[in-house]
Amino acid sequence: MNLIGCANTPSGAFETKTTIYYLDGKFHEDIPEDYIFKTWGYRIEDAIGKEHTYRNKVRVPHGRKETMWCTIHRQSEVIKAHYNPKGDGYYYWVNRHKKSL
């Protein structure tokens, strides 16, 4: 007797790591960087690893703050830059602006 399941895994369960993106008529394993830039804007990663995107390039000098609109989180965020002498530039601390909902 031969049992045939609806999935091709040994346990018969569906695989959960099968996210594939269909963009511009093609399938992609990850979202292409040019599509992220075109849709959301410039991308930075804050000091704790969370991603943020902004329509304008982030140009905050060391120790200064700037408020910008995040296109991913759809709220105003305060960006504070610190120079990282061991790394390759700046690392950023991003907080929600106090007047954002």
PDB file of N, CA and C in Angstrom:
ATOM      1  N   MET A   1       0.841  -1.159   0.000  1.00  0.00           N
ATOM      2  CA  MET A   1       0.000   0.000   0.000  1.00  0.00           C
ATOM      3  C   MET A   1       0.897   1.236   0.000  1.00  0.00           C
ATOM      4  N   ASN A   2       0.594   2.182  -0.823  1.00  0.00           N
ATOM      5  CA  ASN A   2       1.391   3.382  -0.985  1.00  0.00           C
ATOM      6  C   ASN A   2       0.542   4.604  -0.634  1.00  0.00           C
ATOM      7  N   LEU A   3       1.001   5.389   0.350  1.00  0.00           N
ATOM      8  CA  LEU A   3       0.272   6.597   0.735  1.00  0.00           C
ATOM      9  C   LEU A   3       0.935   7.811   0.092  1.00  0.00           C
ATOM     10  N   ILE A   4       0.144   8.647  -0.502  1.00  0.00           N
ATOM     11  CA  ILE A   4       0.671   9.841  -1.147  1.00  0.00           C
ATOM     12  C   ILE A   4       0.052  11.057  -0.454  1.00  0.00           C
ATOM     13  N   GLY A   5       0.916  11.922   0.076  1.00  0.00           N
ATOM     14  CA  GLY A   5       0.437  13.133   0.737  1.00  0.00           C
ATOM     15  C   GLY A   5       0.418  14.321  -0.219  1.00  0.00           C
ATOM     16  N   CYS A   6      -0.092  15.398   0.267  1.00  0.00           N
ATOM     17  CA  CYS A   6      -0.171  16.586  -0.586  1.00  0.00           C
ATOM     18  C   CYS A   6       1.106  17.427  -0.510  1.00  0.00           C
ATOM     19  N   ALA A   7       2.044  17.083   0.337  1.00  0.00           N
ATOM     20  CA  ALA A   7       3.307  17.822   0.448  1.00  0.00           C
ATOM     21  C   ALA A   7       4.458  16.870   0.146  1.00  0.00           C
ATOM     22  N   ASN A   8       5.601  17.426  -0.180  1.00  0.00           N
ATOM     23  CA  ASN A   8       6.742  16.593  -0.537  1.00  0.00           C
ATOM     24  C   ASN A   8       7.756  16.459   0.591  1.00  0.00           C
ATOM     25  N   THR A   9       7.411  16.850   1.817  1.00  0.00           N
ATOM     26  CA  THR A   9       8.322  16.712   2.947  1.00  0.00           C
ATOM     27  C   THR A   9       8.092  15.358   3.612  1.00  0.00           C
ATOM     28  N   PRO A  10       9.091  14.835   4.331  1.00  0.00           N
ATOM     29  CA  PRO A  10       8.940  13.531   4.967  1.00  0.00           C
ATOM     30  C   PRO A  10       7.796  13.478   5.989  1.00  0.00           C
ATOM     31  N   SER A  11       7.543  14.577   6.673  1.00  0.00           N
ATOM     32  CA  SER A  11       6.482  14.571   7.675  1.00  0.00           C
ATOM     33  C   SER A  11       5.108  14.818   7.069  1.00  0.00           C
ATOM     34  N   GLY A  12       5.062  15.254   5.815  1.00  0.00           N
ATOM     35  CA  GLY A  12       3.791  15.537   5.174  1.00  0.00           C
ATOM     36  C   GLY A  12       3.299  16.953   5.431  1.00  0.00           C
ATOM     37  N   ALA A  13       4.089  17.724   6.185  1.00  0.00           N
ATOM     38  CA  ALA A  13       3.705  19.103   6.486  1.00  0.00           C
ATOM     39  C   ALA A  13       4.179  20.031   5.377  1.00  0.00           C
ATOM     40  N   PHE A  14       3.554  21.166   5.285  1.00  0.00           N
ATOM     41  CA  PHE A  14       3.971  22.168   4.309  1.00  0.00           C
ATOM     42  C   PHE A  14       5.208  22.892   4.808  1.00  0.00           C
ATOM     43  N   GLU A  15       6.097  23.220   3.914  1.00  0.00           N
ATOM     44  CA  GLU A  15       7.289  23.992   4.267  1.00  0.00           C
ATOM     45  C   GLU A  15       6.894  25.437   4.551  1.00  0.00           C
ATOM     46  N   THR A  16       7.455  26.023   5.607  1.00  0.00           N
ATOM     47  CA  THR A  16       7.122  27.407   5.951  1.00  0.00           C
ATOM     48  C   THR A  16       8.146  28.392   5.420  1.00  0.00           C
ATOM     49  N   LYS A  17       9.276  27.924   4.930  1.00  0.00           N
ATOM     50  CA  LYS A  17      10.322  28.816   4.435  1.00  0.00           C
ATOM     51  C   LYS A  17      10.300  28.869   2.904  1.00  0.00           C
ATOM     52  N   THR A  18       9.141  29.110   2.365  1.00  0.00           N
ATOM     53  CA  THR A  18       9.014  29.128   0.913  1.00  0.00           C
ATOM     54  C   THR A  18       8.554  30.493   0.406  1.00  0.00           C
ATOM     55  N   THR A  19       8.999  31.548   1.037  1.00  0.00           N
ATOM     56  CA  THR A  19       8.596  32.879   0.608  1.00  0.00           C
ATOM     57  C   THR A  19       9.350  33.255  -0.656  1.00  0.00           C
ATOM     58  N   ILE A  20       8.595  33.471  -1.715  1.00  0.00           N
ATOM     59  CA  ILE A  20       9.158  33.919  -2.981  1.00  0.00           C
ATOM     60  C   ILE A  20       8.337  35.120  -3.415  1.00  0.00           C
ATOM     61  N   TYR A  21       9.029  36.162  -3.867  1.00  0.00           N
ATOM     62  CA  TYR A  21       8.373  37.404  -4.253  1.00  0.00           C
ATOM     63  C   TYR A  21       8.223  37.455  -5.761  1.00  0.00           C
ATOM     64  N   TYR A  22       7.051  37.853  -6.223  1.00  0.00           N
ATOM     65  CA  TYR A  22       6.786  38.005  -7.650  1.00  0.00           C
ATOM     66  C   TYR A  22       6.724  39.493  -7.955  1.00  0.00           C
ATOM     67  N   LEU A  23       7.787  40.016  -8.572  1.00  0.00           N
ATOM     68  CA  LEU A  23       7.885  41.440  -8.869  1.00  0.00           C
ATOM     69  C   LEU A  23       8.262  41.631 -10.325  1.00  0.00           C
ATOM     70  N   ASP A  24       7.560  42.506 -10.999  1.00  0.00           N
ATOM     71  CA  ASP A  24       7.849  42.856 -12.390  1.00  0.00           C
ATOM     72  C   ASP A  24       7.904  41.636 -13.306  1.00  0.00           C
ATOM     73  N   GLY A  25       7.023  40.682 -13.079  1.00  0.00           N
ATOM     74  CA  GLY A  25       6.944  39.508 -13.945  1.00  0.00           C
ATOM     75  C   GLY A  25       7.987  38.445 -13.694  1.00  0.00           C
ATOM     76  N   LYS A  26       8.738  38.540 -12.571  1.00  0.00           N
ATOM     77  CA  LYS A  26       9.774  37.552 -12.254  1.00  0.00           C
ATOM     78  C   LYS A  26       9.649  37.125 -10.802  1.00  0.00           C
ATOM     79  N   PHE A  27      10.112  35.913 -10.505  1.00  0.00           N
ATOM     80  CA  PHE A  27      10.156  35.426  -9.134  1.00  0.00           C
ATOM     81  C   PHE A  27      11.521  35.726  -8.528  1.00  0.00           C
ATOM     82  N   HIS A  28      11.540  36.160  -7.240  1.00  0.00           N
ATOM     83  CA  HIS A  28      12.776  36.503  -6.549  1.00  0.00           C
ATOM     84  C   HIS A  28      12.778  35.849  -5.169  1.00  0.00           C
ATOM     85  N   GLU A  29      13.948  35.384  -4.733  1.00  0.00           N
ATOM     86  CA  GLU A  29      14.102  34.852  -3.378  1.00  0.00           C
ATOM     87  C   GLU A  29      14.004  35.976  -2.342  1.00  0.00           C
ATOM     88  N   ASP A  30      14.644  37.106  -2.624  1.00  0.00           N
ATOM     89  CA  ASP A  30      14.603  38.293  -1.762  1.00  0.00           C
ATOM     90  C   ASP A  30      14.110  39.465  -2.597  1.00  0.00           C
ATOM     91  N   ILE A  31      13.626  40.488  -1.919  1.00  0.00           N
ATOM     92  CA  ILE A  31      13.194  41.683  -2.640  1.00  0.00           C
ATOM     93  C   ILE A  31      14.446  42.397  -3.142  1.00  0.00           C
ATOM     94  N   PRO A  32      14.530  42.693  -4.439  1.00  0.00           N
ATOM     95  CA  PRO A  32      15.727  43.356  -4.980  1.00  0.00           C
ATOM     96  C   PRO A  32      15.925  44.757  -4.388  1.00  0.00           C
ATOM     97  N   GLU A  33      17.181  45.142  -4.220  1.00  0.00           N
ATOM     98  CA  GLU A  33      17.530  46.430  -3.608  1.00  0.00           C
ATOM     99  C   GLU A  33      16.993  47.608  -4.428  1.00  0.00           C
ATOM    100  N   ASP A  34      17.021  47.512  -5.747  1.00  0.00           N
ATOM    101  CA  ASP A  34      16.509  48.622  -6.562  1.00  0.00           C
ATOM    102  C   ASP A  34      15.001  48.796  -6.413  1.00  0.00           C
ATOM    103  N   TYR A  35      14.271  47.707  -6.182  1.00  0.00           N
ATOM    104  CA  TYR A  35      12.824  47.804  -5.950  1.00  0.00           C
ATOM    105  C   TYR A  35      12.542  48.450  -4.593  1.00  0.00           C
ATOM    106  N   ILE A  36      13.335  48.104  -3.580  1.00  0.00           N
ATOM    107  CA  ILE A  36      13.183  48.724  -2.256  1.00  0.00           C
ATOM    108  C   ILE A  36      13.426  50.216  -2.355  1.00  0.00           C
ATOM    109  N   PHE A  37      14.480  50.613  -3.069  1.00  0.00           N
ATOM    110  CA  PHE A  37      14.805  52.029  -3.210  1.00  0.00           C
ATOM    111  C   PHE A  37      13.711  52.780  -3.961  1.00  0.00           C
ATOM    112  N   LYS A  38      13.215  52.183  -5.041  1.00  0.00           N
ATOM    113  CA  LYS A  38      12.187  52.834  -5.849  1.00  0.00           C
ATOM    114  C   LYS A  38      10.874  52.979  -5.070  1.00  0.00           C
ATOM    115  N   THR A  39      10.520  51.999  -4.254  1.00  0.00           N
ATOM    116  CA  THR A  39       9.243  52.008  -3.541  1.00  0.00           C
ATOM    117  C   THR A  39       9.309  52.794  -2.241  1.00  0.00           C
ATOM    118  N   TRP A  40      10.340  52.576  -1.421  1.00  0.00           N
ATOM    119  CA  TRP A  40      10.382  53.166  -0.086  1.00  0.00           C
ATOM    120  C   TRP A  40      11.449  54.238   0.091  1.00  0.00           C
ATOM    121  N   GLY A  41      12.509  54.230  -0.665  1.00  0.00           N
ATOM    122  CA  GLY A  41      13.541  55.251  -0.556  1.00  0.00           C
ATOM    123  C   GLY A  41      14.841  54.715   0.022  1.00  0.00           C
ATOM    124  N   TYR A  42      15.610  55.618   0.630  1.00  0.00           N
ATOM    125  CA  TYR A  42      16.915  55.265   1.199  1.00  0.00           C
ATOM    126  C   TYR A  42      16.725  54.430   2.461  1.00  0.00           C
ATOM    127  N   ARG A  43      17.521  53.392   2.579  1.00  0.00           N
ATOM    128  CA  ARG A  43      17.367  52.468   3.706  1.00  0.00           C
ATOM    129  C   ARG A  43      18.563  52.581   4.646  1.00  0.00           C
ATOM    130  N   ILE A  44      18.281  52.632   5.954  1.00  0.00           N
ATOM    131  CA  ILE A  44      19.334  52.555   6.968  1.00  0.00           C
ATOM    132  C   ILE A  44      18.936  51.500   7.981  1.00  0.00           C
ATOM    133  N   GLU A  45      19.918  51.048   8.721  1.00  0.00           N
ATOM    134  CA  GLU A  45      19.675  50.110   9.811  1.00  0.00           C
ATOM    135  C   GLU A  45      20.146  50.790  11.087  1.00  0.00           C
ATOM    136  N   ASP A  46      19.275  50.790  12.101  1.00  0.00           N
ATOM    137  CA  ASP A  46      19.662  51.460  13.347  1.00  0.00           C
ATOM    138  C   ASP A  46      20.581  50.572  14.173  1.00  0.00           C
ATOM    139  N   ALA A  47      20.986  51.061  15.330  1.00  0.00           N
ATOM    140  CA  ALA A  47      21.976  50.366  16.159  1.00  0.00           C
ATOM    141  C   ALA A  47      21.477  49.032  16.698  1.00  0.00           C
ATOM    142  N   ILE A  48      20.155  48.831  16.758  1.00  0.00           N
ATOM    143  CA  ILE A  48      19.634  47.560  17.259  1.00  0.00           C
ATOM    144  C   ILE A  48      19.211  46.609  16.142  1.00  0.00           C
ATOM    145  N   GLY A  49      19.452  47.010  14.873  1.00  0.00           N
ATOM    146  CA  GLY A  49      19.202  46.122  13.749  1.00  0.00           C
ATOM    147  C   GLY A  49      17.868  46.304  13.054  1.00  0.00           C
ATOM    148  N   LYS A  50      17.085  47.302  13.402  1.00  0.00           N
ATOM    149  CA  LYS A  50      15.782  47.541  12.788  1.00  0.00           C
ATOM    150  C   LYS A  50      15.967  48.422  11.547  1.00  0.00           C
ATOM    151  N   GLU A  51      15.272  48.083  10.458  1.00  0.00           N
ATOM    152  CA  GLU A  51      15.412  48.824   9.218  1.00  0.00           C
ATOM    153  C   GLU A  51      14.414  49.971   9.134  1.00  0.00           C
ATOM    154  N   HIS A  52      14.875  51.073   8.545  1.00  0.00           N
ATOM    155  CA  HIS A  52      14.056  52.259   8.326  1.00  0.00           C
ATOM    156  C   HIS A  52      14.359  52.764   6.925  1.00  0.00           C
ATOM    157  N   THR A  53      13.348  53.342   6.255  1.00  0.00           N
ATOM    158  CA  THR A  53      13.566  53.920   4.933  1.00  0.00           C
ATOM    159  C   THR A  53      13.007  55.337   4.899  1.00  0.00           C
ATOM    160  N   TYR A  54      13.711  56.192   4.165  1.00  0.00           N
ATOM    161  CA  TYR A  54      13.350  57.602   4.070  1.00  0.00           C
ATOM    162  C   TYR A  54      13.450  58.038   2.619  1.00  0.00           C
ATOM    163  N   ARG A  55      12.592  58.978   2.218  1.00  0.00           N
ATOM    164  CA  ARG A  55      12.596  59.469   0.838  1.00  0.00           C
ATOM    165  C   ARG A  55      13.870  60.241   0.513  1.00  0.00           C
ATOM    166  N   ASN A  56      14.429  60.947   1.473  1.00  0.00           N
ATOM    167  CA  ASN A  56      15.653  61.715   1.258  1.00  0.00           C
ATOM    168  C   ASN A  56      16.829  61.014   1.922  1.00  0.00           C
ATOM    169  N   LYS A  57      18.014  61.230   1.386  1.00  0.00           N
ATOM    170  CA  LYS A  57      19.222  60.631   1.952  1.00  0.00           C
ATOM    171  C   LYS A  57      19.459  61.159   3.366  1.00  0.00           C
ATOM    172  N   VAL A  58      19.850  60.281   4.268  1.00  0.00           N
ATOM    173  CA  VAL A  58      20.098  60.652   5.658  1.00  0.00           C
ATOM    174  C   VAL A  58      21.482  61.268   5.758  1.00  0.00           C
ATOM    175  N   ARG A  59      21.532  62.556   6.090  1.00  0.00           N
ATOM    176  CA  ARG A  59      22.797  63.286   6.226  1.00  0.00           C
ATOM    177  C   ARG A  59      22.799  63.989   7.577  1.00  0.00           C
ATOM    178  N   VAL A  60      23.020  63.229   8.619  1.00  0.00           N
ATOM    179  CA  VAL A  60      23.027  63.768   9.975  1.00  0.00           C
ATOM    180  C   VAL A  60      24.468  63.724  10.477  1.00  0.00           C
ATOM    181  N   PRO A  61      25.051  64.905  10.865  1.00  0.00           N
ATOM    182  CA  PRO A  61      26.417  64.897  11.391  1.00  0.00           C
ATOM    183  C   PRO A  61      26.488  64.251  12.777  1.00  0.00           C
ATOM    184  N   HIS A  62      27.686  63.922  13.199  1.00  0.00           N
ATOM    185  CA  HIS A  62      27.925  63.257  14.480  1.00  0.00           C
ATOM    186  C   HIS A  62      27.307  64.043  15.641  1.00  0.00           C
ATOM    187  N   GLY A  63      26.550  63.345  16.460  1.00  0.00           N
ATOM    188  CA  GLY A  63      25.973  63.927  17.672  1.00  0.00           C
ATOM    189  C   GLY A  63      24.764  64.814  17.438  1.00  0.00           C
ATOM    190  N   ARG A  64      24.302  64.947  16.220  1.00  0.00           N
ATOM    191  CA  ARG A  64      23.151  65.798  15.915  1.00  0.00           C
ATOM    192  C   ARG A  64      21.903  64.949  15.717  1.00  0.00           C
ATOM    193  N   LYS A  65      20.739  65.618  15.774  1.00  0.00           N
ATOM    194  CA  LYS A  65      19.458  64.945  15.568  1.00  0.00           C
ATOM    195  C   LYS A  65      18.749  65.567  14.378  1.00  0.00           C
ATOM    196  N   GLU A  66      17.961  64.741  13.713  1.00  0.00           N
ATOM    197  CA  GLU A  66      17.126  65.224  12.621  1.00  0.00           C
ATOM    198  C   GLU A  66      15.840  64.414  12.612  1.00  0.00           C
ATOM    199  N   THR A  67      14.716  65.079  12.353  1.00  0.00           N
ATOM    200  CA  THR A  67      13.418  64.412  12.279  1.00  0.00           C
ATOM    201  C   THR A  67      13.080  64.167  10.820  1.00  0.00           C
ATOM    202  N   MET A  68      12.749  62.914  10.500  1.00  0.00           N
ATOM    203  CA  MET A  68      12.398  62.543   9.127  1.00  0.00           C
ATOM    204  C   MET A  68      11.203  61.599   9.156  1.00  0.00           C
ATOM    205  N   TRP A  69      10.489  61.511   8.033  1.00  0.00           N
ATOM    206  CA  TRP A  69       9.338  60.631   7.896  1.00  0.00           C
ATOM    207  C   TRP A  69       9.800  59.267   7.402  1.00  0.00           C
ATOM    208  N   CYS A  70       9.510  58.223   8.182  1.00  0.00           N
ATOM    209  CA  CYS A  70       9.871  56.852   7.810  1.00  0.00           C
ATOM    210  C   CYS A  70       8.770  56.280   6.928  1.00  0.00           C
ATOM    211  N   THR A  71       9.139  55.799   5.736  1.00  0.00           N
ATOM    212  CA  THR A  71       8.146  55.283   4.805  1.00  0.00           C
ATOM    213  C   THR A  71       7.723  53.854   5.121  1.00  0.00           C
ATOM    214  N   ILE A  72       8.480  53.147   5.932  1.00  0.00           N
ATOM    215  CA  ILE A  72       8.064  51.804   6.346  1.00  0.00           C
ATOM    216  C   ILE A  72       7.086  51.894   7.509  1.00  0.00           C
ATOM    217  N   HIS A  73       7.459  52.644   8.537  1.00  0.00           N
ATOM    218  CA  HIS A  73       6.642  52.729   9.749  1.00  0.00           C
ATOM    219  C   HIS A  73       5.572  53.802   9.669  1.00  0.00           C
ATOM    220  N   ARG A  74       5.624  54.653   8.654  1.00  0.00           N
ATOM    221  CA  ARG A  74       4.647  55.712   8.408  1.00  0.00           C
ATOM    222  C   ARG A  74       4.446  56.608   9.624  1.00  0.00           C
ATOM    223  N   GLN A  75       5.572  57.107  10.120  1.00  0.00           N
ATOM    224  CA  GLN A  75       5.551  58.034  11.247  1.00  0.00           C
ATOM    225  C   GLN A  75       6.836  58.856  11.242  1.00  0.00           C
ATOM    226  N   SER A  76       6.792  59.984  11.940  1.00  0.00           N
ATOM    227  CA  SER A  76       7.993  60.803  12.077  1.00  0.00           C
ATOM    228  C   SER A  76       8.931  60.138  13.062  1.00  0.00           C
ATOM    229  N   GLU A  77      10.218  60.144  12.724  1.00  0.00           N
ATOM    230  CA  GLU A  77      11.219  59.532  13.582  1.00  0.00           C
ATOM    231  C   GLU A  77      12.383  60.493  13.772  1.00  0.00           C
ATOM    232  N   VAL A  78      12.974  60.453  14.951  1.00  0.00           N
ATOM    233  CA  VAL A  78      14.138  61.278  15.264  1.00  0.00           C
ATOM    234  C   VAL A  78      15.374  60.402  15.076  1.00  0.00           C
ATOM    235  N   ILE A  79      16.278  60.843  14.219  1.00  0.00           N
ATOM    236  CA  ILE A  79      17.500  60.092  13.909  1.00  0.00           C
ATOM    237  C   ILE A  79      18.672  60.812  14.551  1.00  0.00           C
ATOM    238  N   LYS A  80      19.463  60.084  15.335  1.00  0.00           N
ATOM    239  CA  LYS A  80      20.666  60.638  15.928  1.00  0.00           C
ATOM    240  C   LYS A  80      21.846  59.806  15.447  1.00  0.00           C
ATOM    241  N   ALA A  81      22.850  60.495  14.919  1.00  0.00           N
ATOM    242  CA  ALA A  81      23.997  59.802  14.333  1.00  0.00           C
ATOM    243  C   ALA A  81      25.198  59.855  15.271  1.00  0.00           C
ATOM    244  N   HIS A  82      25.942  58.756  15.324  1.00  0.00           N
ATOM    245  CA  HIS A  82      27.200  58.664  16.064  1.00  0.00           C
ATOM    246  C   HIS A  82      28.240  58.068  15.140  1.00  0.00           C
ATOM    247  N   TYR A  83      29.412  58.680  15.118  1.00  0.00           N
ATOM    248  CA  TYR A  83      30.497  58.162  14.289  1.00  0.00           C
ATOM    249  C   TYR A  83      31.034  56.878  14.896  1.00  0.00           C
ATOM    250  N   ASN A  84      31.253  55.897  14.066  1.00  0.00           N
ATOM    251  CA  ASN A  84      31.763  54.605  14.498  1.00  0.00           C
ATOM    252  C   ASN A  84      33.201  54.465  13.999  1.00  0.00           C
ATOM    253  N   PRO A  85      34.205  54.704  14.853  1.00  0.00           N
ATOM    254  CA  PRO A  85      35.597  54.657  14.378  1.00  0.00           C
ATOM    255  C   PRO A  85      36.050  53.255  13.973  1.00  0.00           C
ATOM    256  N   LYS A  86      35.463  52.215  14.534  1.00  0.00           N
ATOM    257  CA  LYS A  86      35.853  50.848  14.190  1.00  0.00           C
ATOM    258  C   LYS A  86      35.132  50.342  12.944  1.00  0.00           C
ATOM    259  N   GLY A  87      33.999  50.940  12.631  1.00  0.00           N
ATOM    260  CA  GLY A  87      33.208  50.498  11.479  1.00  0.00           C
ATOM    261  C   GLY A  87      33.477  51.346  10.254  1.00  0.00           C
ATOM    262  N   ASP A  88      32.506  51.367   9.381  1.00  0.00           N
ATOM    263  CA  ASP A  88      32.667  52.096   8.118  1.00  0.00           C
ATOM    264  C   ASP A  88      31.702  53.279   8.039  1.00  0.00           C
ATOM    265  N   GLY A  89      31.760  54.158   9.009  1.00  0.00           N
ATOM    266  CA  GLY A  89      30.901  55.340   8.962  1.00  0.00           C
ATOM    267  C   GLY A  89      30.147  55.561  10.256  1.00  0.00           C
ATOM    268  N   TYR A  90      28.839  55.757  10.136  1.00  0.00           N
ATOM    269  CA  TYR A  90      27.999  56.103  11.271  1.00  0.00           C
ATOM    270  C   TYR A  90      27.116  54.934  11.684  1.00  0.00           C
ATOM    271  N   TYR A  91      26.692  54.959  12.952  1.00  0.00           N
ATOM    272  CA  TYR A  91      25.566  54.135  13.350  1.00  0.00           C
ATOM    273  C   TYR A  91      24.509  55.078  13.887  1.00  0.00           C
ATOM    274  N   TYR A  92      23.251  54.653  13.743  1.00  0.00           N
ATOM    275  CA  TYR A  92      22.128  55.538  13.998  1.00  0.00           C
ATOM    276  C   TYR A  92      21.261  55.024  15.133  1.00  0.00           C
ATOM    277  N   TRP A  93      20.766  55.955  15.948  1.00  0.00           N
ATOM    278  CA  TRP A  93      19.749  55.672  16.949  1.00  0.00           C
ATOM    279  C   TRP A  93      18.466  56.304  16.439  1.00  0.00           C
ATOM    280  N   VAL A  94      17.416  55.521  16.300  1.00  0.00           N
ATOM    281  CA  VAL A  94      16.150  56.016  15.754  1.00  0.00           C
ATOM    282  C   VAL A  94      15.063  55.831  16.794  1.00  0.00           C
ATOM    283  N   ASN A  95      14.355  56.927  17.085  1.00  0.00           N
ATOM    284  CA  ASN A  95      13.236  56.912  18.032  1.00  0.00           C
ATOM    285  C   ASN A  95      12.021  57.535  17.382  1.00  0.00           C
ATOM    286  N   ARG A  96      10.853  57.135  17.846  1.00  0.00           N
ATOM    287  CA  ARG A  96       9.613  57.731  17.358  1.00  0.00           C
ATOM    288  C   ARG A  96       9.531  59.158  17.856  1.00  0.00           C
ATOM    289  N   HIS A  97       9.098  60.076  16.991  1.00  0.00           N
ATOM    290  CA  HIS A  97       8.955  61.476  17.391  1.00  0.00           C
ATOM    291  C   HIS A  97       7.814  61.593  18.399  1.00  0.00           C
ATOM    292  N   LYS A  98       7.950  62.478  19.372  1.00  0.00           N
ATOM    293  CA  LYS A  98       6.971  62.580  20.450  1.00  0.00           C
ATOM    294  C   LYS A  98       5.587  63.017  19.971  1.00  0.00           C
ATOM    295  N   LYS A  99       5.485  63.671  18.806  1.00  0.00           N
ATOM    296  CA  LYS A  99       4.188  64.099  18.292  1.00  0.00           C
ATOM    297  C   LYS A  99       3.564  63.091  17.330  1.00  0.00           C
ATOM    298  N   SER A 100       4.246  61.982  17.065  1.00  0.00           N
ATOM    299  CA  SER A 100       3.663  60.935  16.224  1.00  0.00           C
ATOM    300  C   SER A 100       2.623  60.167  17.028  1.00  0.00           C
ATOM    301  N   LEU A 101       1.653  59.647  16.344  1.00  0.00           N
ATOM    302  CA  LEU A 101       0.581  58.917  17.026  1.00  0.00           C
ATOM    303  C   LEU A 101       1.024  57.584  17.516  1.00  0.00           C
TER     304      LEU A 101
END
